Amino acid sequence: MTRKDIIIGFIVGIIAAAFGLIFAIQIFAIQIFGKSDDWGEVIQQAIASGTLTKLMSIGALLNLGAFFLFLKKNQDNRAKGVLIATLLIFIVTMIIKFFN
């Protein structure tokens, strides 16, 4: 049961960060880079200007809500999964930042 809860928390963390990234692109990037229906173009512009990592960090903020929600419901193992997902997103963000 423990391992299953950690995996569920990890999946919730990845999905929350993905939705957060989409939300951040909708709010910030389209205002910065202009209206574009092509998400690939917006992401390429974000990579070129170095703002993709910032958008990923903003997107990962939704994990805070999931983490504290699981803690409030006494589902500590699911909260651990969200924390692991957040650390993975942090590592990917740092790799993108330093190798781009």
PDB file of N, CA and C in Angstrom:
ATOM      1  N   MET A   1       0.826  -1.203   0.000  1.00  0.00           N
ATOM      2  CA  MET A   1       0.000   0.000   0.000  1.00  0.00           C
ATOM      3  C   MET A   1       0.866   1.260   0.000  1.00  0.00           C
ATOM      4  N   THR A   2       1.989   1.191   0.631  1.00  0.00           N
ATOM      5  CA  THR A   2       2.855   2.356   0.734  1.00  0.00           C
ATOM      6  C   THR A   2       3.412   2.758  -0.623  1.00  0.00           C
ATOM      7  N   ARG A   3       3.932   1.774  -1.350  1.00  0.00           N
ATOM      8  CA  ARG A   3       4.533   2.061  -2.649  1.00  0.00           C
ATOM      9  C   ARG A   3       3.468   2.583  -3.627  1.00  0.00           C
ATOM     10  N   LYS A   4       2.281   2.015  -3.569  1.00  0.00           N
ATOM     11  CA  LYS A   4       1.188   2.437  -4.445  1.00  0.00           C
ATOM     12  C   LYS A   4       0.817   3.898  -4.164  1.00  0.00           C
ATOM     13  N   ASP A   5       0.757   4.286  -2.898  1.00  0.00           N
ATOM     14  CA  ASP A   5       0.427   5.664  -2.544  1.00  0.00           C
ATOM     15  C   ASP A   5       1.495   6.638  -3.015  1.00  0.00           C
ATOM     16  N   ILE A   6       2.754   6.250  -2.915  1.00  0.00           N
ATOM     17  CA  ILE A   6       3.839   7.117  -3.389  1.00  0.00           C
ATOM     18  C   ILE A   6       3.739   7.305  -4.897  1.00  0.00           C
ATOM     19  N   ILE A   7       3.429   6.237  -5.619  1.00  0.00           N
ATOM     20  CA  ILE A   7       3.287   6.333  -7.075  1.00  0.00           C
ATOM     21  C   ILE A   7       2.099   7.219  -7.440  1.00  0.00           C
ATOM     22  N   ILE A   8       0.994   7.071  -6.715  1.00  0.00           N
ATOM     23  CA  ILE A   8      -0.171   7.934  -6.962  1.00  0.00           C
ATOM     24  C   ILE A   8       0.188   9.394  -6.715  1.00  0.00           C
ATOM     25  N   GLY A   9       0.888   9.672  -5.637  1.00  0.00           N
ATOM     26  CA  GLY A   9       1.315  11.041  -5.340  1.00  0.00           C
ATOM     27  C   GLY A   9       2.261  11.582  -6.400  1.00  0.00           C
ATOM     28  N   PHE A  10       3.151  10.723  -6.903  1.00  0.00           N
ATOM     29  CA  PHE A  10       4.082  11.127  -7.961  1.00  0.00           C
ATOM     30  C   PHE A  10       3.318  11.509  -9.227  1.00  0.00           C
ATOM     31  N   ILE A  11       2.354  10.683  -9.598  1.00  0.00           N
ATOM     32  CA  ILE A  11       1.555  10.961 -10.800  1.00  0.00           C
ATOM     33  C   ILE A  11       0.756  12.246 -10.625  1.00  0.00           C
ATOM     34  N   VAL A  12       0.170  12.437  -9.451  1.00  0.00           N
ATOM     35  CA  VAL A  12      -0.569  13.672  -9.174  1.00  0.00           C
ATOM     36  C   VAL A  12       0.365  14.877  -9.281  1.00  0.00           C
ATOM     37  N   GLY A  13       1.581  14.749  -8.774  1.00  0.00           N
ATOM     38  CA  GLY A  13       2.549  15.843  -8.840  1.00  0.00           C
ATOM     39  C   GLY A  13       2.948  16.189 -10.266  1.00  0.00           C
ATOM     40  N   ILE A  14       3.158  15.175 -11.100  1.00  0.00           N
ATOM     41  CA  ILE A  14       3.528  15.419 -12.498  1.00  0.00           C
ATOM     42  C   ILE A  14       2.358  16.066 -13.249  1.00  0.00           C
ATOM     43  N   ILE A  15       1.146  15.562 -13.019  1.00  0.00           N
ATOM     44  CA  ILE A  15      -0.024  16.115 -13.702  1.00  0.00           C
ATOM     45  C   ILE A  15      -0.287  17.552 -13.246  1.00  0.00           C
ATOM     46  N   ALA A  16      -0.155  17.808 -11.948  1.00  0.00           N
ATOM     47  CA  ALA A  16      -0.365  19.171 -11.440  1.00  0.00           C
ATOM     48  C   ALA A  16       0.666  20.134 -12.029  1.00  0.00           C
ATOM     49  N   ALA A  17       1.913  19.697 -12.143  1.00  0.00           N
ATOM     50  CA  ALA A  17       2.946  20.551 -12.728  1.00  0.00           C
ATOM     51  C   ALA A  17       2.693  20.787 -14.214  1.00  0.00           C
ATOM     52  N   ALA A  18       2.195  19.768 -14.911  1.00  0.00           N
ATOM     53  CA  ALA A  18       1.882  19.929 -16.339  1.00  0.00           C
ATOM     54  C   ALA A  18       0.752  20.943 -16.527  1.00  0.00           C
ATOM     55  N   PHE A  19      -0.299  20.824 -15.706  1.00  0.00           N
ATOM     56  CA  PHE A  19      -1.386  21.796 -15.788  1.00  0.00           C
ATOM     57  C   PHE A  19      -0.895  23.193 -15.406  1.00  0.00           C
ATOM     58  N   GLY A  20      -0.020  23.263 -14.423  1.00  0.00           N
ATOM     59  CA  GLY A  20       0.545  24.553 -14.034  1.00  0.00           C
ATOM     60  C   GLY A  20       1.373  25.173 -15.141  1.00  0.00           C
ATOM     61  N   LEU A  21       2.141  24.348 -15.855  1.00  0.00           N
ATOM     62  CA  LEU A  21       2.934  24.852 -16.979  1.00  0.00           C
ATOM     63  C   LEU A  21       2.020  25.362 -18.089  1.00  0.00           C
ATOM     64  N   ILE A  22       0.968  24.615 -18.388  1.00  0.00           N
ATOM     65  CA  ILE A  22       0.009  25.054 -19.408  1.00  0.00           C
ATOM     66  C   ILE A  22      -0.634  26.378 -18.999  1.00  0.00           C
ATOM     67  N   PHE A  23      -1.006  26.467 -17.721  1.00  0.00           N
ATOM     68  CA  PHE A  23      -1.608  27.697 -17.209  1.00  0.00           C
ATOM     69  C   PHE A  23      -0.617  28.855 -17.286  1.00  0.00           C
ATOM     70  N   ALA A  24       0.632  28.615 -16.915  1.00  0.00           N
ATOM     71  CA  ALA A  24       1.654  29.664 -16.955  1.00  0.00           C
ATOM     72  C   ALA A  24       1.898  30.126 -18.390  1.00  0.00           C
ATOM     73  N   ILE A  25       1.903  29.186 -19.328  1.00  0.00           N
ATOM     74  CA  ILE A  25       2.082  29.561 -20.736  1.00  0.00           C
ATOM     75  C   ILE A  25       0.902  30.406 -21.198  1.00  0.00           C
ATOM     76  N   GLN A  26      -0.300  30.008 -20.815  1.00  0.00           N
ATOM     77  CA  GLN A  26      -1.490  30.767 -21.216  1.00  0.00           C
ATOM     78  C   GLN A  26      -1.462  32.192 -20.659  1.00  0.00           C
ATOM     79  N   ILE A  27      -1.079  32.325 -19.410  1.00  0.00           N
ATOM     80  CA  ILE A  27      -1.134  33.636 -18.764  1.00  0.00           C
ATOM     81  C   ILE A  27       0.066  34.503 -19.116  1.00  0.00           C
ATOM     82  N   PHE A  28       1.266  33.977 -18.926  1.00  0.00           N
ATOM     83  CA  PHE A  28       2.463  34.806 -19.046  1.00  0.00           C
ATOM     84  C   PHE A  28       3.077  34.792 -20.438  1.00  0.00           C
ATOM     85  N   ALA A  29       3.297  33.625 -20.975  1.00  0.00           N
ATOM     86  CA  ALA A  29       4.055  33.528 -22.216  1.00  0.00           C
ATOM     87  C   ALA A  29       3.321  34.146 -23.392  1.00  0.00           C
ATOM     88  N   ILE A  30       2.028  33.945 -23.472  1.00  0.00           N
ATOM     89  CA  ILE A  30       1.293  34.511 -24.594  1.00  0.00           C
ATOM     90  C   ILE A  30       1.276  36.037 -24.493  1.00  0.00           C
ATOM     91  N   GLN A  31       1.265  36.567 -23.274  1.00  0.00           N
ATOM     92  CA  GLN A  31       1.358  38.016 -23.124  1.00  0.00           C
ATOM     93  C   GLN A  31       2.743  38.518 -23.518  1.00  0.00           C
ATOM     94  N   ILE A  32       3.764  37.729 -23.225  1.00  0.00           N
ATOM     95  CA  ILE A  32       5.136  38.139 -23.531  1.00  0.00           C
ATOM     96  C   ILE A  32       5.444  37.959 -25.012  1.00  0.00           C
ATOM     97  N   PHE A  33       5.097  36.787 -25.550  1.00  0.00           N
ATOM     98  CA  PHE A  33       5.474  36.451 -26.921  1.00  0.00           C
ATOM     99  C   PHE A  33       4.377  36.763 -27.932  1.00  0.00           C
ATOM    100  N   GLY A  34       3.264  37.252 -27.515  1.00  0.00           N
ATOM    101  CA  GLY A  34       2.184  37.571 -28.430  1.00  0.00           C
ATOM    102  C   GLY A  34       1.225  36.409 -28.603  1.00  0.00           C
ATOM    103  N   LYS A  35       0.097  36.706 -29.186  1.00  0.00           N
ATOM    104  CA  LYS A  35      -0.915  35.673 -29.419  1.00  0.00           C
ATOM    105  C   LYS A  35      -0.425  34.714 -30.490  1.00  0.00           C
ATOM    106  N   SER A  36      -0.403  33.453 -30.128  1.00  0.00           N
ATOM    107  CA  SER A  36      -0.029  32.422 -31.080  1.00  0.00           C
ATOM    108  C   SER A  36      -0.820  31.170 -30.756  1.00  0.00           C
ATOM    109  N   ASP A  37      -1.411  30.596 -31.776  1.00  0.00           N
ATOM    110  CA  ASP A  37      -2.170  29.369 -31.577  1.00  0.00           C
ATOM    111  C   ASP A  37      -1.267  28.150 -31.582  1.00  0.00           C
ATOM    112  N   ASP A  38      -0.038  28.332 -32.024  1.00  0.00           N
ATOM    113  CA  ASP A  38       0.904  27.223 -32.106  1.00  0.00           C
ATOM    114  C   ASP A  38       1.719  27.153 -30.819  1.00  0.00           C
ATOM    115  N   TRP A  39       1.423  26.145 -29.989  1.00  0.00           N
ATOM    116  CA  TRP A  39       2.115  26.000 -28.706  1.00  0.00           C
ATOM    117  C   TRP A  39       3.585  25.686 -28.912  1.00  0.00           C
ATOM    118  N   GLY A  40       3.894  24.956 -29.961  1.00  0.00           N
ATOM    119  CA  GLY A  40       5.288  24.637 -30.259  1.00  0.00           C
ATOM    120  C   GLY A  40       6.104  25.890 -30.487  1.00  0.00           C
ATOM    121  N   GLU A  41       5.512  26.840 -31.185  1.00  0.00           N
ATOM    122  CA  GLU A  41       6.196  28.112 -31.449  1.00  0.00           C
ATOM    123  C   GLU A  41       6.418  28.888 -30.156  1.00  0.00           C
ATOM    124  N   VAL A  42       5.402  28.909 -29.296  1.00  0.00           N
ATOM    125  CA  VAL A  42       5.531  29.618 -28.020  1.00  0.00           C
ATOM    126  C   VAL A  42       6.620  28.971 -27.166  1.00  0.00           C
ATOM    127  N   ILE A  43       6.658  27.649 -27.129  1.00  0.00           N
ATOM    128  CA  ILE A  43       7.676  26.957 -26.329  1.00  0.00           C
ATOM    129  C   ILE A  43       9.061  27.183 -26.916  1.00  0.00           C
ATOM    130  N   GLN A  44       9.176  27.172 -28.247  1.00  0.00           N
ATOM    131  CA  GLN A  44      10.476  27.448 -28.872  1.00  0.00           C
ATOM    132  C   GLN A  44      10.952  28.864 -28.549  1.00  0.00           C
ATOM    133  N   GLN A  45      10.036  29.817 -28.558  1.00  0.00           N
ATOM    134  CA  GLN A  45      10.403  31.185 -28.201  1.00  0.00           C
ATOM    135  C   GLN A  45      10.803  31.280 -26.730  1.00  0.00           C
ATOM    136  N   ALA A  46      10.117  30.521 -25.881  1.00  0.00           N
ATOM    137  CA  ALA A  46      10.457  30.516 -24.455  1.00  0.00           C
ATOM    138  C   ALA A  46      11.842  29.901 -24.236  1.00  0.00           C
ATOM    139  N   ILE A  47      12.162  28.854 -24.980  1.00  0.00           N
ATOM    140  CA  ILE A  47      13.489  28.246 -24.877  1.00  0.00           C
ATOM    141  C   ILE A  47      14.547  29.225 -25.363  1.00  0.00           C
ATOM    142  N   ALA A  48      14.283  29.870 -26.504  1.00  0.00           N
ATOM    143  CA  ALA A  48      15.253  30.802 -27.082  1.00  0.00           C
ATOM    144  C   ALA A  48      15.517  31.997 -26.168  1.00  0.00           C
ATOM    145  N   SER A  49      14.480  32.456 -25.484  1.00  0.00           N
ATOM    146  CA  SER A  49      14.654  33.624 -24.612  1.00  0.00           C
ATOM    147  C   SER A  49      15.054  33.241 -23.189  1.00  0.00           C
ATOM    148  N   GLY A  50      15.072  31.950 -22.881  1.00  0.00           N
ATOM    149  CA  GLY A  50      15.481  31.514 -21.557  1.00  0.00           C
ATOM    150  C   GLY A  50      14.397  31.595 -20.498  1.00  0.00           C
ATOM    151  N   THR A  51      13.146  31.691 -20.904  1.00  0.00           N
ATOM    152  CA  THR A  51      12.068  31.807 -19.924  1.00  0.00           C
ATOM    153  C   THR A  51      11.342  30.491 -19.670  1.00  0.00           C
ATOM    154  N   LEU A  52      11.695  29.435 -20.393  1.00  0.00           N
ATOM    155  CA  LEU A  52      11.008  28.152 -20.192  1.00  0.00           C
ATOM    156  C   LEU A  52      11.200  27.641 -18.768  1.00  0.00           C
ATOM    157  N   THR A  53      12.400  27.757 -18.238  1.00  0.00           N
ATOM    158  CA  THR A  53      12.640  27.258 -16.884  1.00  0.00           C
ATOM    159  C   THR A  53      11.838  28.048 -15.851  1.00  0.00           C
ATOM    160  N   LYS A  54      11.656  29.327 -16.110  1.00  0.00           N
ATOM    161  CA  LYS A  54      10.839  30.134 -15.197  1.00  0.00           C
ATOM    162  C   LYS A  54       9.376  29.698 -15.262  1.00  0.00           C
ATOM    163  N   LEU A  55       8.903  29.416 -16.478  1.00  0.00           N
ATOM    164  CA  LEU A  55       7.521  28.946 -16.629  1.00  0.00           C
ATOM    165  C   LEU A  55       7.342  27.577 -15.974  1.00  0.00           C
ATOM    166  N   MET A  56       8.349  26.710 -16.077  1.00  0.00           N
ATOM    167  CA  MET A  56       8.271  25.397 -15.422  1.00  0.00           C
ATOM    168  C   MET A  56       8.216  25.552 -13.907  1.00  0.00           C
ATOM    169  N   SER A  57       8.985  26.487 -13.382  1.00  0.00           N
ATOM    170  CA  SER A  57       8.979  26.718 -11.933  1.00  0.00           C
ATOM    171  C   SER A  57       7.630  27.247 -11.462  1.00  0.00           C
ATOM    172  N   ILE A  58       7.063  28.164 -12.225  1.00  0.00           N
ATOM    173  CA  ILE A  58       5.735  28.675 -11.879  1.00  0.00           C
ATOM    174  C   ILE A  58       4.713  27.553 -11.948  1.00  0.00           C
ATOM    175  N   GLY A  59       4.831  26.697 -12.950  1.00  0.00           N
ATOM    176  CA  GLY A  59       3.914  25.577 -13.104  1.00  0.00           C
ATOM    177  C   GLY A  59       3.989  24.593 -11.954  1.00  0.00           C
ATOM    178  N   ALA A  60       5.179  24.409 -11.402  1.00  0.00           N
ATOM    179  CA  ALA A  60       5.358  23.470 -10.299  1.00  0.00           C
ATOM    180  C   ALA A  60       4.739  23.979  -8.993  1.00  0.00           C
ATOM    181  N   LEU A  61       4.338  25.230  -8.949  1.00  0.00           N
ATOM    182  CA  LEU A  61       3.721  25.764  -7.728  1.00  0.00           C
ATOM    183  C   LEU A  61       2.403  25.071  -7.391  1.00  0.00           C
ATOM    184  N   LEU A  62       1.748  24.491  -8.399  1.00  0.00           N
ATOM    185  CA  LEU A  62       0.509  23.763  -8.109  1.00  0.00           C
ATOM    186  C   LEU A  62       0.769  22.536  -7.233  1.00  0.00           C
ATOM    187  N   ASN A  63       1.999  22.056  -7.245  1.00  0.00           N
ATOM    188  CA  ASN A  63       2.331  20.917  -6.391  1.00  0.00           C
ATOM    189  C   ASN A  63       2.226  21.271  -4.909  1.00  0.00           C
ATOM    190  N   LEU A  64       2.384  22.533  -4.592  1.00  0.00           N
ATOM    191  CA  LEU A  64       2.222  22.959  -3.197  1.00  0.00           C
ATOM    192  C   LEU A  64       0.827  22.625  -2.684  1.00  0.00           C
ATOM    193  N   GLY A  65      -0.166  22.941  -3.503  1.00  0.00           N
ATOM    194  CA  GLY A  65      -1.542  22.652  -3.109  1.00  0.00           C
ATOM    195  C   GLY A  65      -1.786  21.169  -2.927  1.00  0.00           C
ATOM    196  N   ALA A  66      -1.296  20.358  -3.880  1.00  0.00           N
ATOM    197  CA  ALA A  66      -1.473  18.905  -3.781  1.00  0.00           C
ATOM    198  C   ALA A  66      -0.742  18.357  -2.551  1.00  0.00           C
ATOM    199  N   PHE A  67       0.462  18.848  -2.303  1.00  0.00           N
ATOM    200  CA  PHE A  67       1.258  18.387  -1.166  1.00  0.00           C
ATOM    201  C   PHE A  67       0.534  18.651   0.153  1.00  0.00           C
ATOM    202  N   PHE A  68       0.085  19.878   0.344  1.00  0.00           N
ATOM    203  CA  PHE A  68      -0.572  20.214   1.607  1.00  0.00           C
ATOM    204  C   PHE A  68      -1.951  19.577   1.731  1.00  0.00           C
ATOM    205  N   LEU A  69      -2.624  19.355   0.608  1.00  0.00           N
ATOM    206  CA  LEU A  69      -3.903  18.651   0.642  1.00  0.00           C
ATOM    207  C   LEU A  69      -3.709  17.219   1.129  1.00  0.00           C
ATOM    208  N   PHE A  70      -2.687  16.546   0.609  1.00  0.00           N
ATOM    209  CA  PHE A  70      -2.412  15.182   1.064  1.00  0.00           C
ATOM    210  C   PHE A  70      -1.991  15.163   2.535  1.00  0.00           C
ATOM    211  N   LEU A  71      -1.224  16.143   2.972  1.00  0.00           N
ATOM    212  CA  LEU A  71      -0.840  16.194   4.383  1.00  0.00           C
ATOM    213  C   LEU A  71      -2.055  16.423   5.280  1.00  0.00           C
ATOM    214  N   LYS A  72      -2.963  17.282   4.836  1.00  0.00           N
ATOM    215  CA  LYS A  72      -4.163  17.565   5.630  1.00  0.00           C
ATOM    216  C   LYS A  72      -5.040  16.318   5.766  1.00  0.00           C
ATOM    217  N   LYS A  73      -5.071  15.490   4.728  1.00  0.00           N
ATOM    218  CA  LYS A  73      -5.865  14.261   4.750  1.00  0.00           C
ATOM    219  C   LYS A  73      -5.095  13.093   5.380  1.00  0.00           C
ATOM    220  N   ASN A  74      -3.941  13.364   5.968  1.00  0.00           N
ATOM    221  CA  ASN A  74      -3.080  12.346   6.586  1.00  0.00           C
ATOM    222  C   ASN A  74      -2.663  11.254   5.599  1.00  0.00           C
ATOM    223  N   GLN A  75      -2.425  11.642   4.365  1.00  0.00           N
ATOM    224  CA  GLN A  75      -1.917  10.726   3.345  1.00  0.00           C
ATOM    225  C   GLN A  75      -0.456  11.092   3.071  1.00  0.00           C
ATOM    226  N   ASP A  76       0.372  10.764   4.059  1.00  0.00           N
ATOM    227  CA  ASP A  76       1.772  11.171   4.013  1.00  0.00           C
ATOM    228  C   ASP A  76       2.534  10.551   2.854  1.00  0.00           C
ATOM    229  N   ASN A  77       2.232   9.316   2.509  1.00  0.00           N
ATOM    230  CA  ASN A  77       2.961   8.680   1.416  1.00  0.00           C
ATOM    231  C   ASN A  77       2.636   9.322   0.069  1.00  0.00           C
ATOM    232  N   ARG A  78       1.418   9.743  -0.121  1.00  0.00           N
ATOM    233  CA  ARG A  78       1.077  10.456  -1.354  1.00  0.00           C
ATOM    234  C   ARG A  78       1.777  11.816  -1.382  1.00  0.00           C
ATOM    235  N   ALA A  79       1.885  12.456  -0.233  1.00  0.00           N
ATOM    236  CA  ALA A  79       2.620  13.719  -0.154  1.00  0.00           C
ATOM    237  C   ALA A  79       4.094  13.499  -0.497  1.00  0.00           C
ATOM    238  N   LYS A  80       4.652  12.362  -0.083  1.00  0.00           N
ATOM    239  CA  LYS A  80       6.032  12.028  -0.455  1.00  0.00           C
ATOM    240  C   LYS A  80       6.165  11.891  -1.965  1.00  0.00           C
ATOM    241  N   GLY A  81       5.175  11.286  -2.607  1.00  0.00           N
ATOM    242  CA  GLY A  81       5.187  11.145  -4.054  1.00  0.00           C
ATOM    243  C   GLY A  81       5.175  12.495  -4.755  1.00  0.00           C
ATOM    244  N   VAL A  82       4.368  13.420  -4.253  1.00  0.00           N
ATOM    245  CA  VAL A  82       4.338  14.772  -4.822  1.00  0.00           C
ATOM    246  C   VAL A  82       5.689  15.444  -4.629  1.00  0.00           C
ATOM    247  N   LEU A  83       6.303  15.238  -3.480  1.00  0.00           N
ATOM    248  CA  LEU A  83       7.618  15.816  -3.217  1.00  0.00           C
ATOM    249  C   LEU A  83       8.670  15.242  -4.167  1.00  0.00           C
ATOM    250  N   ILE A  84       8.610  13.958  -4.415  1.00  0.00           N
ATOM    251  CA  ILE A  84       9.548  13.324  -5.352  1.00  0.00           C
ATOM    252  C   ILE A  84       9.342  13.891  -6.755  1.00  0.00           C
ATOM    253  N   ALA A  85       8.093  14.065  -7.175  1.00  0.00           N
ATOM    254  CA  ALA A  85       7.802  14.649  -8.491  1.00  0.00           C
ATOM    255  C   ALA A  85       8.347  16.069  -8.578  1.00  0.00           C
ATOM    256  N   THR A  86       8.198  16.830  -7.508  1.00  0.00           N
ATOM    257  CA  THR A  86       8.699  18.197  -7.489  1.00  0.00           C
ATOM    258  C   THR A  86      10.218  18.218  -7.589  1.00  0.00           C
ATOM    259  N   LEU A  87      10.885  17.305  -6.908  1.00  0.00           N
ATOM    260  CA  LEU A  87      12.346  17.231  -7.005  1.00  0.00           C
ATOM    261  C   LEU A  87      12.790  16.837  -8.411  1.00  0.00           C
ATOM    262  N   LEU A  88      12.063  15.927  -9.045  1.00  0.00           N
ATOM    263  CA  LEU A  88      12.383  15.545 -10.418  1.00  0.00           C
ATOM    264  C   LEU A  88      12.218  16.738 -11.360  1.00  0.00           C
ATOM    265  N   ILE A  89      11.161  17.501 -11.179  1.00  0.00           N
ATOM    266  CA  ILE A  89      10.940  18.700 -11.995  1.00  0.00           C
ATOM    267  C   ILE A  89      12.052  19.713 -11.755  1.00  0.00           C
ATOM    268  N   PHE A  90      12.498  19.831 -10.525  1.00  0.00           N
ATOM    269  CA  PHE A  90      13.607  20.725 -10.199  1.00  0.00           C
ATOM    270  C   PHE A  90      14.879  20.297 -10.934  1.00  0.00           C
ATOM    271  N   ILE A  91      15.162  19.002 -10.934  1.00  0.00           N
ATOM    272  CA  ILE A  91      16.370  18.504 -11.603  1.00  0.00           C
ATOM    273  C   ILE A  91      16.288  18.743 -13.106  1.00  0.00           C
ATOM    274  N   VAL A  92      15.132  18.463 -13.699  1.00  0.00           N
ATOM    275  CA  VAL A  92      14.965  18.689 -15.141  1.00  0.00           C
ATOM    276  C   VAL A  92      15.100  20.177 -15.462  1.00  0.00           C
ATOM    277  N   THR A  93      14.531  21.024 -14.623  1.00  0.00           N
ATOM    278  CA  THR A  93      14.628  22.466 -14.824  1.00  0.00           C
ATOM    279  C   THR A  93      16.080  22.940 -14.774  1.00  0.00           C
ATOM    280  N   MET A  94      16.842  22.420 -13.827  1.00  0.00           N
ATOM    281  CA  MET A  94      18.246  22.806 -13.720  1.00  0.00           C
ATOM    282  C   MET A  94      19.053  22.297 -14.912  1.00  0.00           C
ATOM    283  N   ILE A  95      18.753  21.096 -15.376  1.00  0.00           N
ATOM    284  CA  ILE A  95      19.463  20.566 -16.549  1.00  0.00           C
ATOM    285  C   ILE A  95      19.176  21.446 -17.760  1.00  0.00           C
ATOM    286  N   ILE A  96      17.915  21.797 -17.959  1.00  0.00           N
ATOM    287  CA  ILE A  96      17.564  22.661 -19.093  1.00  0.00           C
ATOM    288  C   ILE A  96      18.241  24.017 -18.964  1.00  0.00           C
ATOM    289  N   LYS A  97      18.244  24.565 -17.755  1.00  0.00           N
ATOM    290  CA  LYS A  97      18.825  25.906 -17.554  1.00  0.00           C
ATOM    291  C   LYS A  97      20.318  25.916 -17.823  1.00  0.00           C
ATOM    292  N   PHE A  98      21.048  24.910 -17.360  1.00  0.00           N
ATOM    293  CA  PHE A  98      22.489  24.951 -17.478  1.00  0.00           C
ATOM    294  C   PHE A  98      23.023  24.411 -18.805  1.00  0.00           C
ATOM    295  N   PHE A  99      22.225  23.635 -19.524  1.00  0.00           N
ATOM    296  CA  PHE A  99      22.694  23.117 -20.800  1.00  0.00           C
ATOM    297  C   PHE A  99      22.084  23.833 -21.988  1.00  0.00           C
ATOM    298  N   ASN A 100      21.336  24.878 -21.743  1.00  0.00           N
ATOM    299  CA  ASN A 100      20.748  25.628 -22.839  1.00  0.00           C
ATOM    300  C   ASN A 100      21.445  26.951 -23.017  1.00  0.00           C
TER     301      ASN A 100
END
